[in-house]
Amino acid sequence: MKLLTLDVGNTTLDACLWGGDRLLSFKKLRTLKELKSLSFDYALAITVRESLRKSLESLKIRVLKREEIPIKSRYESFQTLGIDRLLNAYSFSNFFQRGE
């Protein structure tokens, strides 16, 4: 199974294609139309641009919400904390919990 993960920022889409736990490719895309050239079985995205959520979902891409990330934050305003930064913190904490 090929998993496509997307970090949709303000200017580019960072696309990683995974085969199991192995990174197969990484691309920086400028538009959602460029996603049609990629072959994947399942796609998961994060975005700081809520205006793109419906467009991503219409392409059968699941968009994560910050509430779905199982981490507690002491950040003053949780709603203004970017999901990309929240995921970085979650990944960082898991990396060290495994002792890597």
PDB file of N, CA and C in Angstrom:
ATOM      1  N   MET A   1       0.843  -1.181   0.000  1.00  0.00           N
ATOM      2  CA  MET A   1       0.000   0.000   0.000  1.00  0.00           C
ATOM      3  C   MET A   1       0.888   1.244   0.000  1.00  0.00           C
ATOM      4  N   LYS A   2       0.550   2.189  -0.854  1.00  0.00           N
ATOM      5  CA  LYS A   2       1.279   3.459  -0.917  1.00  0.00           C
ATOM      6  C   LYS A   2       0.474   4.542  -0.208  1.00  0.00           C
ATOM      7  N   LEU A   3       1.118   5.141   0.783  1.00  0.00           N
ATOM      8  CA  LEU A   3       0.507   6.222   1.548  1.00  0.00           C
ATOM      9  C   LEU A   3       1.124   7.540   1.103  1.00  0.00           C
ATOM     10  N   LEU A   4       0.282   8.514   0.813  1.00  0.00           N
ATOM     11  CA  LEU A   4       0.727   9.855   0.481  1.00  0.00           C
ATOM     12  C   LEU A   4       0.432  10.749   1.674  1.00  0.00           C
ATOM     13  N   THR A   5       1.462  11.435   2.182  1.00  0.00           N
ATOM     14  CA  THR A   5       1.260  12.401   3.252  1.00  0.00           C
ATOM     15  C   THR A   5       1.552  13.784   2.693  1.00  0.00           C
ATOM     16  N   LEU A   6       0.696  14.736   3.062  1.00  0.00           N
ATOM     17  CA  LEU A   6       0.810  16.096   2.539  1.00  0.00           C
ATOM     18  C   LEU A   6       0.835  17.114   3.663  1.00  0.00           C
ATOM     19  N   ASP A   7       1.760  18.048   3.547  1.00  0.00           N
ATOM     20  CA  ASP A   7       1.783  19.217   4.411  1.00  0.00           C
ATOM     21  C   ASP A   7       1.471  20.394   3.494  1.00  0.00           C
ATOM     22  N   VAL A   8       0.247  20.876   3.576  1.00  0.00           N
ATOM     23  CA  VAL A   8      -0.214  21.930   2.687  1.00  0.00           C
ATOM     24  C   VAL A   8      -0.033  23.269   3.383  1.00  0.00           C
ATOM     25  N   GLY A   9       0.973  24.002   2.947  1.00  0.00           N
ATOM     26  CA  GLY A   9       1.285  25.290   3.548  1.00  0.00           C
ATOM     27  C   GLY A   9       0.686  26.435   2.768  1.00  0.00           C
ATOM     28  N   ASN A  10       1.218  27.611   3.013  1.00  0.00           N
ATOM     29  CA  ASN A  10       0.702  28.804   2.347  1.00  0.00           C
ATOM     30  C   ASN A  10       1.154  28.919   0.902  1.00  0.00           C
ATOM     31  N   THR A  11       2.328  28.374   0.565  1.00  0.00           N
ATOM     32  CA  THR A  11       2.837  28.525  -0.801  1.00  0.00           C
ATOM     33  C   THR A  11       3.094  27.211  -1.526  1.00  0.00           C
ATOM     34  N   THR A  12       3.384  26.137  -0.799  1.00  0.00           N
ATOM     35  CA  THR A  12       3.653  24.854  -1.458  1.00  0.00           C
ATOM     36  C   THR A  12       2.982  23.712  -0.716  1.00  0.00           C
ATOM     37  N   LEU A  13       2.915  22.577  -1.409  1.00  0.00           N
ATOM     38  CA  LEU A  13       2.439  21.336  -0.817  1.00  0.00           C
ATOM     39  C   LEU A  13       3.648  20.408  -0.761  1.00  0.00           C
ATOM     40  N   ASP A  14       4.022  19.975   0.423  1.00  0.00           N
ATOM     41  CA  ASP A  14       5.098  19.010   0.567  1.00  0.00           C
ATOM     42  C   ASP A  14       4.458  17.629   0.550  1.00  0.00           C
ATOM     43  N   ALA A  15       4.834  16.823  -0.439  1.00  0.00           N
ATOM     44  CA  ALA A  15       4.224  15.507  -0.628  1.00  0.00           C
ATOM     45  C   ALA A  15       5.263  14.417  -0.423  1.00  0.00           C
ATOM     46  N   CYS A  16       4.963  13.497   0.479  1.00  0.00           N
ATOM     47  CA  CYS A  16       5.824  12.340   0.723  1.00  0.00           C
ATOM     48  C   CYS A  16       5.034  11.084   0.376  1.00  0.00           C
ATOM     49  N   LEU A  17       5.639  10.223  -0.417  1.00  0.00           N
ATOM     50  CA  LEU A  17       5.018   8.952  -0.773  1.00  0.00           C
ATOM     51  C   LEU A  17       5.742   7.859  -0.004  1.00  0.00           C
ATOM     52  N   TRP A  18       4.972   7.058   0.732  1.00  0.00           N
ATOM     53  CA  TRP A  18       5.518   6.021   1.611  1.00  0.00           C
ATOM     54  C   TRP A  18       5.115   4.637   1.134  1.00  0.00           C
ATOM     55  N   GLY A  19       6.022   3.708   1.238  1.00  0.00           N
ATOM     56  CA  GLY A  19       5.754   2.287   1.024  1.00  0.00           C
ATOM     57  C   GLY A  19       6.070   1.601   2.338  1.00  0.00           C
ATOM     58  N   GLY A  20       5.059   1.321   3.140  1.00  0.00           N
ATOM     59  CA  GLY A  20       5.315   0.843   4.500  1.00  0.00           C
ATOM     60  C   GLY A  20       5.942   1.974   5.293  1.00  0.00           C
ATOM     61  N   ASP A  21       7.066   1.696   5.958  1.00  0.00           N
ATOM     62  CA  ASP A  21       7.738   2.759   6.711  1.00  0.00           C
ATOM     63  C   ASP A  21       8.915   3.350   5.932  1.00  0.00           C
ATOM     64  N   ARG A  22       8.957   3.086   4.646  1.00  0.00           N
ATOM     65  CA  ARG A  22      10.047   3.564   3.788  1.00  0.00           C
ATOM     66  C   ARG A  22       9.586   4.732   2.911  1.00  0.00           C
ATOM     67  N   LEU A  23      10.345   5.801   2.934  1.00  0.00           N
ATOM     68  CA  LEU A  23      10.040   6.953   2.090  1.00  0.00           C
ATOM     69  C   LEU A  23      10.436   6.630   0.658  1.00  0.00           C
ATOM     70  N   LEU A  24       9.452   6.672  -0.249  1.00  0.00           N
ATOM     71  CA  LEU A  24       9.702   6.372  -1.654  1.00  0.00           C
ATOM     72  C   LEU A  24      10.055   7.624  -2.444  1.00  0.00           C
ATOM     73  N   SER A  25       9.396   8.740  -2.128  1.00  0.00           N
ATOM     74  CA  SER A  25       9.707   9.988  -2.829  1.00  0.00           C
ATOM     75  C   SER A  25       9.196  11.180  -2.038  1.00  0.00           C
ATOM     76  N   PHE A  26       9.801  12.327  -2.339  1.00  0.00           N
ATOM     77  CA  PHE A  26       9.402  13.603  -1.743  1.00  0.00           C
ATOM     78  C   PHE A  26       9.343  14.629  -2.866  1.00  0.00           C
ATOM     79  N   LYS A  27       8.251  15.385  -2.896  1.00  0.00           N
ATOM     80  CA  LYS A  27       8.102  16.421  -3.914  1.00  0.00           C
ATOM     81  C   LYS A  27       7.493  17.668  -3.299  1.00  0.00           C
ATOM     82  N   LYS A  28       7.900  18.813  -3.821  1.00  0.00           N
ATOM     83  CA  LYS A  28       7.250  20.084  -3.481  1.00  0.00           C
ATOM     84  C   LYS A  28       6.359  20.434  -4.661  1.00  0.00           C
ATOM     85  N   LEU A  29       5.075  20.552  -4.395  1.00  0.00           N
ATOM     86  CA  LEU A  29       4.106  20.866  -5.439  1.00  0.00           C
ATOM     87  C   LEU A  29       3.583  22.281  -5.234  1.00  0.00           C
ATOM     88  N   ARG A  30       3.130  22.890  -6.311  1.00  0.00           N
ATOM     89  CA  ARG A  30       2.603  24.258  -6.222  1.00  0.00           C
ATOM     90  C   ARG A  30       1.066  24.293  -6.224  1.00  0.00           C
ATOM     91  N   THR A  31       0.435  23.261  -6.826  1.00  0.00           N
ATOM     92  CA  THR A  31      -1.030  23.264  -6.917  1.00  0.00           C
ATOM     93  C   THR A  31      -1.587  21.881  -6.592  1.00  0.00           C
ATOM     94  N   LEU A  32      -2.867  21.857  -6.241  1.00  0.00           N
ATOM     95  CA  LEU A  32      -3.533  20.583  -5.979  1.00  0.00           C
ATOM     96  C   LEU A  32      -3.648  19.744  -7.255  1.00  0.00           C
ATOM     97  N   LYS A  33      -3.705  20.388  -8.407  1.00  0.00           N
ATOM     98  CA  LYS A  33      -3.810  19.660  -9.676  1.00  0.00           C
ATOM     99  C   LYS A  33      -2.636  18.722  -9.884  1.00  0.00           C
ATOM    100  N   GLU A  34      -1.468  19.083  -9.355  1.00  0.00           N
ATOM    101  CA  GLU A  34      -0.281  18.247  -9.507  1.00  0.00           C
ATOM    102  C   GLU A  34      -0.402  16.914  -8.772  1.00  0.00           C
ATOM    103  N   LEU A  35      -1.324  16.815  -7.829  1.00  0.00           N
ATOM    104  CA  LEU A  35      -1.528  15.561  -7.097  1.00  0.00           C
ATOM    105  C   LEU A  35      -2.026  14.449  -8.018  1.00  0.00           C
ATOM    106  N   LYS A  36      -2.703  14.816  -9.085  1.00  0.00           N
ATOM    107  CA  LYS A  36      -3.264  13.822 -10.008  1.00  0.00           C
ATOM    108  C   LYS A  36      -2.176  13.017 -10.708  1.00  0.00           C
ATOM    109  N   SER A  37      -0.948  13.526 -10.729  1.00  0.00           N
ATOM    110  CA  SER A  37       0.147  12.807 -11.379  1.00  0.00           C
ATOM    111  C   SER A  37       0.776  11.766 -10.451  1.00  0.00           C
ATOM    112  N   LEU A  38       0.349  11.741  -9.175  1.00  0.00           N
ATOM    113  CA  LEU A  38       0.920  10.807  -8.209  1.00  0.00           C
ATOM    114  C   LEU A  38       0.036   9.575  -8.057  1.00  0.00           C
ATOM    115  N   SER A  39       0.672   8.447  -7.882  1.00  0.00           N
ATOM    116  CA  SER A  39      -0.058   7.183  -7.696  1.00  0.00           C
ATOM    117  C   SER A  39       0.034   6.774  -6.223  1.00  0.00           C
ATOM    118  N   PHE A  40      -1.140   6.695  -5.571  1.00  0.00           N
ATOM    119  CA  PHE A  40      -1.177   6.331  -4.154  1.00  0.00           C
ATOM    120  C   PHE A  40      -2.483   5.616  -3.846  1.00  0.00           C
ATOM    121  N   ASP A  41      -2.477   4.871  -2.734  1.00  0.00           N
ATOM    122  CA  ASP A  41      -3.671   4.139  -2.306  1.00  0.00           C
ATOM    123  C   ASP A  41      -4.484   4.925  -1.276  1.00  0.00           C
ATOM    124  N   TYR A  42      -3.795   5.676  -0.457  1.00  0.00           N
ATOM    125  CA  TYR A  42      -4.445   6.413   0.626  1.00  0.00           C
ATOM    126  C   TYR A  42      -3.672   7.708   0.836  1.00  0.00           C
ATOM    127  N   ALA A  43      -4.366   8.787   1.186  1.00  0.00           N
ATOM    128  CA  ALA A  43      -3.700  10.069   1.401  1.00  0.00           C
ATOM    129  C   ALA A  43      -4.191  10.723   2.677  1.00  0.00           C
ATOM    130  N   LEU A  44      -3.247  11.335   3.357  1.00  0.00           N
ATOM    131  CA  LEU A  44      -3.508  12.007   4.617  1.00  0.00           C
ATOM    132  C   LEU A  44      -2.825  13.370   4.566  1.00  0.00           C
ATOM    133  N   ALA A  45      -3.537  14.423   4.959  1.00  0.00           N
ATOM    134  CA  ALA A  45      -2.982  15.771   4.851  1.00  0.00           C
ATOM    135  C   ALA A  45      -3.176  16.568   6.123  1.00  0.00           C
ATOM    136  N   ILE A  46      -2.290  17.537   6.288  1.00  0.00           N
ATOM    137  CA  ILE A  46      -2.491  18.599   7.264  1.00  0.00           C
ATOM    138  C   ILE A  46      -2.394  19.898   6.484  1.00  0.00           C
ATOM    139  N   THR A  47      -3.104  20.896   6.968  1.00  0.00           N
ATOM    140  CA  THR A  47      -3.042  22.188   6.293  1.00  0.00           C
ATOM    141  C   THR A  47      -3.268  23.326   7.265  1.00  0.00           C
ATOM    142  N   VAL A  48      -2.554  24.409   7.028  1.00  0.00           N
ATOM    143  CA  VAL A  48      -2.803  25.637   7.782  1.00  0.00           C
ATOM    144  C   VAL A  48      -3.816  26.490   7.048  1.00  0.00           C
ATOM    145  N   ARG A  49      -4.200  26.050   5.857  1.00  0.00           N
ATOM    146  CA  ARG A  49      -5.166  26.797   5.027  1.00  0.00           C
ATOM    147  C   ARG A  49      -6.509  26.075   5.040  1.00  0.00           C
ATOM    148  N   GLU A  50      -7.331  26.442   5.980  1.00  0.00           N
ATOM    149  CA  GLU A  50      -8.646  25.807   6.112  1.00  0.00           C
ATOM    150  C   GLU A  50      -9.479  25.942   4.839  1.00  0.00           C
ATOM    151  N   SER A  51      -9.211  26.954   4.044  1.00  0.00           N
ATOM    152  CA  SER A  51      -9.969  27.162   2.811  1.00  0.00           C
ATOM    153  C   SER A  51      -9.740  26.034   1.807  1.00  0.00           C
ATOM    154  N   LEU A  52      -8.684  25.246   1.989  1.00  0.00           N
ATOM    155  CA  LEU A  52      -8.399  24.141   1.067  1.00  0.00           C
ATOM    156  C   LEU A  52      -8.965  22.797   1.530  1.00  0.00           C
ATOM    157  N   ARG A  53      -9.513  22.764   2.724  1.00  0.00           N
ATOM    158  CA  ARG A  53     -10.003  21.496   3.292  1.00  0.00           C
ATOM    159  C   ARG A  53     -10.984  20.783   2.353  1.00  0.00           C
ATOM    160  N   LYS A  54     -11.992  21.485   1.861  1.00  0.00           N
ATOM    161  CA  LYS A  54     -12.991  20.853   0.992  1.00  0.00           C
ATOM    162  C   LYS A  54     -12.384  20.376  -0.319  1.00  0.00           C
ATOM    163  N   SER A  55     -11.463  21.149  -0.877  1.00  0.00           N
ATOM    164  CA  SER A  55     -10.803  20.742  -2.124  1.00  0.00           C
ATOM    165  C   SER A  55     -10.003  19.463  -1.917  1.00  0.00           C
ATOM    166  N   LEU A  56      -9.289  19.376  -0.799  1.00  0.00           N
ATOM    167  CA  LEU A  56      -8.518  18.172  -0.500  1.00  0.00           C
ATOM    168  C   LEU A  56      -9.445  16.972  -0.308  1.00  0.00           C
ATOM    169  N   GLU A  57     -10.507  17.169   0.449  1.00  0.00           N
ATOM    170  CA  GLU A  57     -11.447  16.078   0.708  1.00  0.00           C
ATOM    171  C   GLU A  57     -12.148  15.630  -0.575  1.00  0.00           C
ATOM    172  N   SER A  58     -12.375  16.531  -1.510  1.00  0.00           N
ATOM    173  CA  SER A  58     -12.997  16.139  -2.784  1.00  0.00           C
ATOM    174  C   SER A  58     -12.056  15.258  -3.607  1.00  0.00           C
ATOM    175  N   LEU A  59     -10.760  15.314  -3.316  1.00  0.00           N
ATOM    176  CA  LEU A  59      -9.774  14.460  -3.983  1.00  0.00           C
ATOM    177  C   LEU A  59      -9.555  13.153  -3.215  1.00  0.00           C
ATOM    178  N   LYS A  60     -10.444  12.876  -2.258  1.00  0.00           N
ATOM    179  CA  LYS A  60     -10.383  11.663  -1.424  1.00  0.00           C
ATOM    180  C   LYS A  60      -9.145  11.656  -0.525  1.00  0.00           C
ATOM    181  N   ILE A  61      -8.789  12.832  -0.043  1.00  0.00           N
ATOM    182  CA  ILE A  61      -7.655  12.983   0.860  1.00  0.00           C
ATOM    183  C   ILE A  61      -8.207  13.305   2.241  1.00  0.00           C
ATOM    184  N   ARG A  62      -7.831  12.515   3.225  1.00  0.00           N
ATOM    185  CA  ARG A  62      -8.286  12.748   4.598  1.00  0.00           C
ATOM    186  C   ARG A  62      -7.451  13.862   5.205  1.00  0.00           C
ATOM    187  N   VAL A  63      -8.124  14.852   5.756  1.00  0.00           N
ATOM    188  CA  VAL A  63      -7.448  16.003   6.353  1.00  0.00           C
ATOM    189  C   VAL A  63      -7.554  15.892   7.872  1.00  0.00           C
ATOM    190  N   LEU A  64      -6.399  15.825   8.532  1.00  0.00           N
ATOM    191  CA  LEU A  64      -6.372  15.734   9.988  1.00  0.00           C
ATOM    192  C   LEU A  64      -6.768  17.050  10.625  1.00  0.00           C
ATOM    193  N   LYS A  65      -7.433  16.935  11.757  1.00  0.00           N
ATOM    194  CA  LYS A  65      -7.768  18.103  12.573  1.00  0.00           C
ATOM    195  C   LYS A  65      -6.860  18.090  13.792  1.00  0.00           C
ATOM    196  N   ARG A  66      -6.574  19.254  14.330  1.00  0.00           N
ATOM    197  CA  ARG A  66      -5.654  19.317  15.478  1.00  0.00           C
ATOM    198  C   ARG A  66      -6.183  18.523  16.667  1.00  0.00           C
ATOM    199  N   GLU A  67      -7.503  18.407  16.791  1.00  0.00           N
ATOM    200  CA  GLU A  67      -8.093  17.659  17.900  1.00  0.00           C
ATOM    201  C   GLU A  67      -7.801  16.155  17.812  1.00  0.00           C
ATOM    202  N   GLU A  68      -7.413  15.682  16.644  1.00  0.00           N
ATOM    203  CA  GLU A  68      -7.130  14.259  16.454  1.00  0.00           C
ATOM    204  C   GLU A  68      -5.703  13.872  16.849  1.00  0.00           C
ATOM    205  N   ILE A  69      -4.868  14.852  17.125  1.00  0.00           N
ATOM    206  CA  ILE A  69      -3.489  14.570  17.485  1.00  0.00           C
ATOM    207  C   ILE A  69      -3.427  14.396  18.996  1.00  0.00           C
ATOM    208  N   PRO A  70      -3.043  13.198  19.458  1.00  0.00           N
ATOM    209  CA  PRO A  70      -3.114  12.889  20.897  1.00  0.00           C
ATOM    210  C   PRO A  70      -1.942  13.477  21.696  1.00  0.00           C
ATOM    211  N   ILE A  71      -1.961  14.795  21.827  1.00  0.00           N
ATOM    212  CA  ILE A  71      -0.925  15.461  22.612  1.00  0.00           C
ATOM    213  C   ILE A  71      -1.575  16.616  23.365  1.00  0.00           C
ATOM    214  N   LYS A  72      -1.116  16.835  24.587  1.00  0.00           N
ATOM    215  CA  LYS A  72      -1.606  17.962  25.369  1.00  0.00           C
ATOM    216  C   LYS A  72      -0.657  19.127  25.148  1.00  0.00           C
ATOM    217  N   SER A  73      -1.219  20.310  25.093  1.00  0.00           N
ATOM    218  CA  SER A  73      -0.419  21.494  24.854  1.00  0.00           C
ATOM    219  C   SER A  73      -0.675  22.535  25.937  1.00  0.00           C
ATOM    220  N   ARG A  74       0.381  23.214  26.324  1.00  0.00           N
ATOM    221  CA  ARG A  74       0.247  24.321  27.272  1.00  0.00           C
ATOM    222  C   ARG A  74       0.307  25.656  26.540  1.00  0.00           C
ATOM    223  N   TYR A  75       0.227  25.584  25.239  1.00  0.00           N
ATOM    224  CA  TYR A  75       0.260  26.792  24.428  1.00  0.00           C
ATOM    225  C   TYR A  75      -0.915  27.678  24.813  1.00  0.00           C
ATOM    226  N   GLU A  76      -0.677  28.974  24.909  1.00  0.00           N
ATOM    227  CA  GLU A  76      -1.710  29.905  25.390  1.00  0.00           C
ATOM    228  C   GLU A  76      -3.007  29.830  24.603  1.00  0.00           C
ATOM    229  N   SER A  77      -2.909  29.768  23.295  1.00  0.00           N
ATOM    230  CA  SER A  77      -4.104  29.735  22.460  1.00  0.00           C
ATOM    231  C   SER A  77      -4.021  28.531  21.532  1.00  0.00           C
ATOM    232  N   PHE A  78      -4.568  27.416  21.954  1.00  0.00           N
ATOM    233  CA  PHE A  78      -4.479  26.162  21.202  1.00  0.00           C
ATOM    234  C   PHE A  78      -4.987  26.322  19.770  1.00  0.00           C
ATOM    235  N   GLN A  79      -6.016  27.146  19.581  1.00  0.00           N
ATOM    236  CA  GLN A  79      -6.606  27.307  18.245  1.00  0.00           C
ATOM    237  C   GLN A  79      -5.696  28.058  17.278  1.00  0.00           C
ATOM    238  N   THR A  80      -4.720  28.791  17.773  1.00  0.00           N
ATOM    239  CA  THR A  80      -3.803  29.491  16.876  1.00  0.00           C
ATOM    240  C   THR A  80      -2.496  28.732  16.667  1.00  0.00           C
ATOM    241  N   LEU A  81      -2.339  27.624  17.358  1.00  0.00           N
ATOM    242  CA  LEU A  81      -1.151  26.790  17.181  1.00  0.00           C
ATOM    243  C   LEU A  81      -1.300  26.016  15.874  1.00  0.00           C
ATOM    244  N   GLY A  82      -0.358  26.199  14.960  1.00  0.00           N
ATOM    245  CA  GLY A  82      -0.432  25.519  13.665  1.00  0.00           C
ATOM    246  C   GLY A  82      -0.361  24.011  13.808  1.00  0.00           C
ATOM    247  N   ILE A  83      -1.171  23.310  13.040  1.00  0.00           N
ATOM    248  CA  ILE A  83      -1.190  21.847  13.116  1.00  0.00           C
ATOM    249  C   ILE A  83       0.162  21.258  12.735  1.00  0.00           C
ATOM    250  N   ASP A  84       0.909  21.925  11.862  1.00  0.00           N
ATOM    251  CA  ASP A  84       2.231  21.440  11.498  1.00  0.00           C
ATOM    252  C   ASP A  84       3.159  21.450  12.710  1.00  0.00           C
ATOM    253  N   ARG A  85       3.090  22.483  13.512  1.00  0.00           N
ATOM    254  CA  ARG A  85       3.928  22.555  14.720  1.00  0.00           C
ATOM    255  C   ARG A  85       3.463  21.561  15.787  1.00  0.00           C
ATOM    256  N   LEU A  86       2.176  21.358  15.876  1.00  0.00           N
ATOM    257  CA  LEU A  86       1.638  20.393  16.820  1.00  0.00           C
ATOM    258  C   LEU A  86       2.100  18.974  16.458  1.00  0.00           C
ATOM    259  N   LEU A  87       2.062  18.643  15.174  1.00  0.00           N
ATOM    260  CA  LEU A  87       2.539  17.333  14.729  1.00  0.00           C
ATOM    261  C   LEU A  87       4.040  17.164  14.941  1.00  0.00           C
ATOM    262  N   ASN A  88       4.803  18.227  14.741  1.00  0.00           N
ATOM    263  CA  ASN A  88       6.236  18.165  15.022  1.00  0.00           C
ATOM    264  C   ASN A  88       6.486  17.841  16.488  1.00  0.00           C
ATOM    265  N   ALA A  89       5.751  18.485  17.383  1.00  0.00           N
ATOM    266  CA  ALA A  89       5.898  18.222  18.813  1.00  0.00           C
ATOM    267  C   ALA A  89       5.510  16.787  19.144  1.00  0.00           C
ATOM    268  N   TYR A  90       4.437  16.297  18.548  1.00  0.00           N
ATOM    269  CA  TYR A  90       3.993  14.917  18.774  1.00  0.00           C
ATOM    270  C   TYR A  90       5.050  13.920  18.291  1.00  0.00           C
ATOM    271  N   SER A  91       5.571  14.144  17.103  1.00  0.00           N
ATOM    272  CA  SER A  91       6.599  13.254  16.558  1.00  0.00           C
ATOM    273  C   SER A  91       7.856  13.277  17.416  1.00  0.00           C
ATOM    274  N   PHE A  92       8.243  14.450  17.835  1.00  0.00           N
ATOM    275  CA  PHE A  92       9.431  14.615  18.668  1.00  0.00           C
ATOM    276  C   PHE A  92       9.267  13.849  19.976  1.00  0.00           C
ATOM    277  N   SER A  93       8.100  13.969  20.613  1.00  0.00           N
ATOM    278  CA  SER A  93       7.883  13.278  21.891  1.00  0.00           C
ATOM    279  C   SER A  93       7.882  11.768  21.702  1.00  0.00           C
ATOM    280  N   ASN A  94       7.312  11.273  20.600  1.00  0.00           N
ATOM    281  CA  ASN A  94       7.317   9.827  20.340  1.00  0.00           C
ATOM    282  C   ASN A  94       8.714   9.313  20.025  1.00  0.00           C
ATOM    283  N   PHE A  95       9.500  10.097  19.326  1.00  0.00           N
ATOM    284  CA  PHE A  95      10.872   9.731  18.989  1.00  0.00           C
ATOM    285  C   PHE A  95      11.667   9.458  20.257  1.00  0.00           C
ATOM    286  N   PHE A  96      11.540  10.316  21.252  1.00  0.00           N
ATOM    287  CA  PHE A  96      12.289  10.145  22.476  1.00  0.00           C
ATOM    288  C   PHE A  96      11.684   9.100  23.405  1.00  0.00           C
ATOM    289  N   GLN A  97      10.388   8.877  23.343  1.00  0.00           N
ATOM    290  CA  GLN A  97       9.776   7.830  24.149  1.00  0.00           C
ATOM    291  C   GLN A  97      10.250   6.452  23.719  1.00  0.00           C
ATOM    292  N   ARG A  98      10.556   6.301  22.425  1.00  0.00           N
ATOM    293  CA  ARG A  98      11.064   5.030  21.923  1.00  0.00           C
ATOM    294  C   ARG A  98      12.557   4.867  22.173  1.00  0.00           C
ATOM    295  N   GLY A  99      13.195   5.925  22.636  1.00  0.00           N
ATOM    296  CA  GLY A  99      14.620   5.853  22.948  1.00  0.00           C
ATOM    297  C   GLY A  99      15.523   5.967  21.738  1.00  0.00           C
ATOM    298  N   GLU A 100      15.053   6.588  20.684  1.00  0.00           N
ATOM    299  CA  GLU A 100      15.877   6.710  19.476  1.00  0.00           C
ATOM    300  C   GLU A 100      16.738   7.956  19.535  1.00  0.00           C
TER     301      GLU A 100
END
